[in-house]
Protein backbone atom coordinates (compact mmCIF):
# COMPACT_ATOMS: atom_id res chain seq x y z
CA UNK A 1 33.11 323.56 125.94
CA UNK A 2 35.77 326.29 126.37
CA UNK A 3 39.84 326.29 126.40
CA UNK A 4 42.42 327.55 128.55
CA UNK A 5 42.84 329.94 125.52
CA UNK A 6 38.90 330.99 125.18
CA UNK A 7 38.24 329.24 122.35
CA UNK A 8 35.34 327.15 122.34
CA UNK A 9 35.74 323.59 120.33
CA UNK A 10 33.22 320.45 119.28
CA UNK A 11 34.41 317.82 121.39
CA UNK A 12 35.08 314.90 119.38
CA UNK A 13 35.16 312.30 121.97
CA UNK A 14 39.04 311.64 121.15
CA UNK A 15 38.23 308.12 119.26
CA UNK A 16 35.90 308.39 117.06
CA UNK A 17 32.80 308.11 116.40
CA UNK A 18 29.62 310.65 116.63
CA UNK A 19 31.06 313.88 118.19
CA UNK A 20 30.44 314.64 122.24
CA UNK A 21 27.17 316.89 121.29
CA UNK A 22 25.74 313.43 119.49
CA UNK A 23 26.78 312.05 122.60
CA UNK A 24 24.96 313.96 125.40
CA UNK A 25 22.33 314.13 122.82
CA UNK A 26 22.42 310.09 123.28
CA UNK A 27 22.92 309.88 126.59
CA UNK A 28 19.96 312.14 127.11
CA UNK A 29 17.61 310.06 125.54
CA UNK A 30 18.73 307.49 127.26
CA UNK A 31 18.83 308.94 130.87
CA UNK A 32 15.38 309.59 129.42
CA UNK A 33 14.15 305.48 128.75
CA UNK A 34 15.56 305.03 131.96
CA UNK A 35 13.10 306.97 133.70
CA UNK A 36 10.44 305.97 131.72
CA UNK A 37 11.68 302.06 132.83
CA UNK A 38 11.62 302.99 136.52
CA UNK A 39 7.59 304.78 135.64
CA UNK A 40 6.57 301.58 133.99
CA UNK A 41 7.78 299.43 136.42
CA UNK A 42 10.00 297.87 134.36
CA UNK A 43 12.19 294.56 134.80
CA UNK A 44 15.04 295.30 137.92
CA UNK A 45 17.59 294.03 135.18
CA UNK A 46 16.48 294.94 132.78
CA UNK A 47 16.21 298.60 134.97
CA UNK A 48 20.07 297.94 136.08
CA UNK A 49 21.32 296.88 131.75
CA UNK A 50 19.69 300.74 131.59
CA UNK A 51 22.22 302.38 134.39
CA UNK A 52 24.78 300.44 133.41
CA UNK A 53 24.66 301.58 129.34
CA UNK A 54 24.10 305.52 130.89
CA UNK A 55 27.23 305.40 133.21
CA UNK A 56 29.24 303.83 130.28
CA UNK A 57 27.70 306.29 128.16
CA UNK A 58 28.54 308.97 130.75
CA UNK A 59 32.83 307.67 131.37
CA UNK A 60 33.00 307.38 127.48
CA UNK A 61 32.45 311.13 127.26
CA UNK A 62 34.72 311.78 130.30
CA UNK A 63 37.91 310.51 129.18
CA UNK A 64 36.69 312.26 125.31
CA UNK A 65 36.98 315.24 127.61
CA UNK A 66 40.19 314.21 128.82
CA UNK A 67 41.45 313.79 125.57
CA UNK A 68 40.80 317.37 124.24
CA UNK A 69 42.32 319.00 127.47
CA UNK A 70 45.68 317.30 126.46
CA UNK A 71 45.72 317.58 123.11
CA UNK A 72 44.94 321.27 123.24
CA UNK A 73 44.78 322.71 126.73
CA UNK A 74 48.02 320.64 127.54
CA UNK A 75 50.19 321.23 124.86
CA UNK A 76 49.13 324.79 123.98
CA UNK A 77 50.58 325.61 127.55
CA UNK A 78 53.92 324.05 126.28
CA UNK A 79 54.17 325.02 123.17
CA UNK A 80 54.30 329.08 124.33
CA UNK A 81 57.12 327.31 127.15
CA UNK A 82 54.79 327.99 130.11
CA UNK A 83 56.52 325.73 131.92
CA UNK A 84 54.70 326.02 135.15
CA UNK A 85 50.84 326.39 133.15
CA UNK A 86 51.72 323.03 131.79
CA UNK A 87 52.40 321.23 135.15
CA UNK A 88 49.79 323.03 136.35
CA UNK A 89 47.54 321.33 133.16
CA UNK A 90 48.79 317.95 133.45
CA UNK A 91 48.20 317.65 137.38
CA UNK A 92 44.81 318.70 137.05
CA UNK A 93 44.37 315.41 134.21
CA UNK A 94 46.00 313.03 136.53
CA UNK A 95 43.48 314.12 138.84
CA UNK A 96 41.18 314.41 136.63
CA UNK A 97 41.79 310.24 135.49
CA UNK A 98 42.26 309.09 139.06
CA UNK A 99 38.66 310.45 139.85
CA UNK A 100 37.64 308.16 136.77
CA UNK A 101 39.65 305.49 137.68
CA UNK A 102 37.64 305.87 141.18
CA UNK A 103 33.96 305.91 139.92
């Protein structure tokens, strides 16, 4: 993932566990499993359970991205003394949190 400085970093997920790359691969596998369940005409409640699991995993990745944004992008702007840019970054993070809460 690119940060405002142009550096690429690994998404850690913020709270430990597998890295963002591992989470993305797990979500990919889960969504393929979901497609297979639908194609195989599996029991509706089982499919809904899988949909919920994929949705929760995506939210986990989103929280990790927000954590990385605050820890790197916002911190870098603040440490650089660029108050305007830091405020802009905090506003972006706040709007992203609002979208997550609503979803």
